[in-house]
Amino acid sequence: MSSVASELKYFNELTILAMAEMQNPSDDFVRFFAKQAYSSVVTAKVLEQFTPLVKRVFAQIVNDQIAERLKSALKKETEAEEKNFRRLHLSRKAIRCLPMMEKV
């Protein structure tokens, strides 16, 4: 199997796994984050507390990334509209100046 095909296969598998963990985090997944954020022993009760937090954190990350992309796209669109408006405005000024130029 080629390197590109192999990478694509694993990329797809990892994407499926990551999406599954984001929707329904496993104890191991939650424990991984809890151990880094929680200063004491990660018990079943701690896992129970952290599971919805981990789920919300990943949902928030996705929402923030979507919002940032939308913001960036809207900014580009607004800039393009402003540029087109300036061109149109300058074109209209040029058209109004034509009769004056013919008199010269």
C-alpha atoms as a PDB file:
ATOM      1  CA  MET A   1       0.000   0.000   0.000  1.00  0.00           C
ATOM      2  CA  SER A   2       1.382   3.405  -0.906  1.00  0.00           C
ATOM      3  CA  SER A   3       2.328   5.910   1.747  1.00  0.00           C
ATOM      4  CA  VAL A   4      -0.442   8.307   0.668  1.00  0.00           C
ATOM      5  CA  ALA A   5      -3.096   5.589   0.688  1.00  0.00           C
ATOM      6  CA  SER A   6      -1.912   4.348   4.060  1.00  0.00           C
ATOM      7  CA  GLU A   7      -1.956   7.864   5.490  1.00  0.00           C
ATOM      8  CA  LEU A   8      -5.453   8.465   4.135  1.00  0.00           C
ATOM      9  CA  LYS A   9      -6.678   5.188   5.629  1.00  0.00           C
ATOM     10  CA  TYR A  10      -5.319   6.036   9.080  1.00  0.00           C
ATOM     11  CA  PHE A  11      -6.485   9.646   8.797  1.00  0.00           C
ATOM     12  CA  ASN A  12     -10.036   8.451   8.142  1.00  0.00           C
ATOM     13  CA  GLU A  13      -9.891   5.935  10.996  1.00  0.00           C
ATOM     14  CA  LEU A  14      -8.549   8.558  13.409  1.00  0.00           C
ATOM     15  CA  THR A  15     -11.234  11.023  12.314  1.00  0.00           C
ATOM     16  CA  ILE A  16     -13.947   8.465  13.084  1.00  0.00           C
ATOM     17  CA  LEU A  17     -12.387   7.693  16.471  1.00  0.00           C
ATOM     18  CA  ALA A  18     -12.005  11.376  17.376  1.00  0.00           C
ATOM     19  CA  MET A  19     -15.592  12.150  16.406  1.00  0.00           C
ATOM     20  CA  ALA A  20     -16.828   9.224  18.491  1.00  0.00           C
ATOM     21  CA  GLU A  21     -14.801  10.390  21.493  1.00  0.00           C
ATOM     22  CA  MET A  22     -16.120  13.936  21.114  1.00  0.00           C
ATOM     23  CA  GLN A  23     -19.724  12.736  21.049  1.00  0.00           C
ATOM     24  CA  ASN A  24     -19.409  10.093  23.748  1.00  0.00           C
ATOM     25  CA  PRO A  25     -16.035  10.348  25.544  1.00  0.00           C
ATOM     26  CA  SER A  26     -14.665   7.070  26.883  1.00  0.00           C
ATOM     27  CA  ASP A  27     -13.310   6.812  30.421  1.00  0.00           C
ATOM     28  CA  ASP A  28      -9.753   6.564  29.079  1.00  0.00           C
ATOM     29  CA  PHE A  29     -10.211   9.716  26.994  1.00  0.00           C
ATOM     30  CA  VAL A  30     -11.675  11.649  29.930  1.00  0.00           C
ATOM     31  CA  ARG A  31      -9.011  10.267  32.269  1.00  0.00           C
ATOM     32  CA  PHE A  32      -6.282  11.542  29.918  1.00  0.00           C
ATOM     33  CA  PHE A  33      -7.531  15.125  30.318  1.00  0.00           C
ATOM     34  CA  ALA A  34      -8.629  14.833  33.921  1.00  0.00           C
ATOM     35  CA  LYS A  35      -5.149  13.682  35.007  1.00  0.00           C
ATOM     36  CA  GLN A  36      -3.692  16.851  33.520  1.00  0.00           C
ATOM     37  CA  ALA A  37      -6.284  19.206  35.007  1.00  0.00           C
ATOM     38  CA  TYR A  38      -7.145  17.541  38.302  1.00  0.00           C
ATOM     39  CA  SER A  39      -4.515  17.573  41.034  1.00  0.00           C
ATOM     40  CA  SER A  40      -5.731  14.512  42.943  1.00  0.00           C
ATOM     41  CA  VAL A  41      -6.477  10.881  42.113  1.00  0.00           C
ATOM     42  CA  VAL A  42      -8.922  10.433  39.240  1.00  0.00           C
ATOM     43  CA  THR A  43     -11.675   8.313  40.725  1.00  0.00           C
ATOM     44  CA  ALA A  44     -14.934   7.114  39.167  1.00  0.00           C
ATOM     45  CA  LYS A  45     -16.664  10.136  40.712  1.00  0.00           C
ATOM     46  CA  VAL A  46     -14.091  12.475  39.148  1.00  0.00           C
ATOM     47  CA  LEU A  47     -14.581  10.778  35.770  1.00  0.00           C
ATOM     48  CA  GLU A  48     -18.321  11.262  36.158  1.00  0.00           C
ATOM     49  CA  GLN A  49     -17.719  14.955  36.841  1.00  0.00           C
ATOM     50  CA  PHE A  50     -15.237  15.437  33.992  1.00  0.00           C
ATOM     51  CA  THR A  51     -17.068  13.502  31.248  1.00  0.00           C
ATOM     52  CA  PRO A  52     -19.646  16.218  30.454  1.00  0.00           C
ATOM     53  CA  LEU A  53     -16.923  18.866  30.812  1.00  0.00           C
ATOM     54  CA  VAL A  54     -14.686  17.151  28.255  1.00  0.00           C
ATOM     55  CA  LYS A  55     -17.658  16.784  25.912  1.00  0.00           C
ATOM     56  CA  ARG A  56     -18.520  20.495  26.280  1.00  0.00           C
ATOM     57  CA  VAL A  57     -14.900  21.558  25.807  1.00  0.00           C
ATOM     58  CA  PHE A  58     -14.624  19.761  22.478  1.00  0.00           C
ATOM     59  CA  ALA A  59     -18.001  21.073  21.332  1.00  0.00           C
ATOM     60  CA  GLN A  60     -16.849  24.591  22.229  1.00  0.00           C
ATOM     61  CA  ILE A  61     -13.577  24.156  20.340  1.00  0.00           C
ATOM     62  CA  VAL A  62     -15.482  23.097  17.222  1.00  0.00           C
ATOM     63  CA  ASN A  63     -17.950  25.993  17.610  1.00  0.00           C
ATOM     64  CA  ASP A  64     -15.108  28.485  18.047  1.00  0.00           C
ATOM     65  CA  GLN A  65     -13.353  27.212  14.931  1.00  0.00           C
ATOM     66  CA  ILE A  66     -16.560  27.441  12.902  1.00  0.00           C
ATOM     67  CA  ALA A  67     -17.218  30.962  14.194  1.00  0.00           C
ATOM     68  CA  GLU A  68     -13.664  32.017  13.336  1.00  0.00           C
ATOM     69  CA  ARG A  69     -13.957  30.651   9.797  1.00  0.00           C
ATOM     70  CA  LEU A  70     -17.295  32.382   9.314  1.00  0.00           C
ATOM     71  CA  LYS A  71     -15.876  35.621  10.669  1.00  0.00           C
ATOM     72  CA  SER A  72     -12.907  35.358   8.319  1.00  0.00           C
ATOM     73  CA  ALA A  73     -15.137  34.584   5.327  1.00  0.00           C
ATOM     74  CA  LEU A  74     -17.470  37.481   6.139  1.00  0.00           C
ATOM     75  CA  LYS A  75     -14.503  39.828   6.496  1.00  0.00           C
ATOM     76  CA  LYS A  76     -13.188  38.811   3.074  1.00  0.00           C
ATOM     77  CA  GLU A  77     -16.650  39.221   1.568  1.00  0.00           C
ATOM     78  CA  THR A  78     -17.068  42.659   3.162  1.00  0.00           C
ATOM     79  CA  GLU A  79     -13.648  43.759   1.936  1.00  0.00           C
ATOM     80  CA  ALA A  80     -14.492  42.598  -1.591  1.00  0.00           C
ATOM     81  CA  GLU A  81     -17.824  44.450  -1.489  1.00  0.00           C
ATOM     82  CA  GLU A  82     -16.112  47.634  -0.275  1.00  0.00           C
ATOM     83  CA  LYS A  83     -13.517  47.349  -3.037  1.00  0.00           C
ATOM     84  CA  ASN A  84     -16.255  46.885  -5.652  1.00  0.00           C
ATOM     85  CA  PHE A  85     -18.191  49.841  -4.211  1.00  0.00           C
ATOM     86  CA  ARG A  86     -15.099  52.083  -4.454  1.00  0.00           C
ATOM     87  CA  ARG A  87     -14.566  50.989  -8.069  1.00  0.00           C
ATOM     88  CA  LEU A  88     -18.203  51.683  -8.907  1.00  0.00           C
ATOM     89  CA  HIS A  89     -18.059  55.053  -7.146  1.00  0.00           C
ATOM     90  CA  LEU A  90     -14.896  56.028  -9.051  1.00  0.00           C
ATOM     91  CA  SER A  91     -16.452  54.834 -12.334  1.00  0.00           C
ATOM     92  CA  ARG A  92     -19.507  57.019 -11.762  1.00  0.00           C
ATOM     93  CA  LYS A  93     -17.269  60.012 -11.014  1.00  0.00           C
ATOM     94  CA  ALA A  94     -15.370  59.368 -14.244  1.00  0.00           C
ATOM     95  CA  ILE A  95     -18.628  59.165 -16.220  1.00  0.00           C
ATOM     96  CA  ARG A  96     -19.818  62.484 -14.731  1.00  0.00           C
ATOM     97  CA  CYS A  97     -16.520  64.091 -15.700  1.00  0.00           C
ATOM     98  CA  LEU A  98     -16.799  63.037 -19.370  1.00  0.00           C
ATOM     99  CA  PRO A  99     -19.006  65.958 -20.462  1.00  0.00           C
ATOM    100  CA  MET A 100     -16.535  68.383 -18.836  1.00  0.00           C
ATOM    101  CA  MET A 101     -13.636  66.719 -20.622  1.00  0.00           C
ATOM    102  CA  GLU A 102     -15.377  67.060 -24.015  1.00  0.00           C
ATOM    103  CA  LYS A 103     -15.570  70.830 -23.546  1.00  0.00           C
ATOM    104  CA  VAL A 104     -11.790  71.069 -23.195  1.00  0.00           C
END
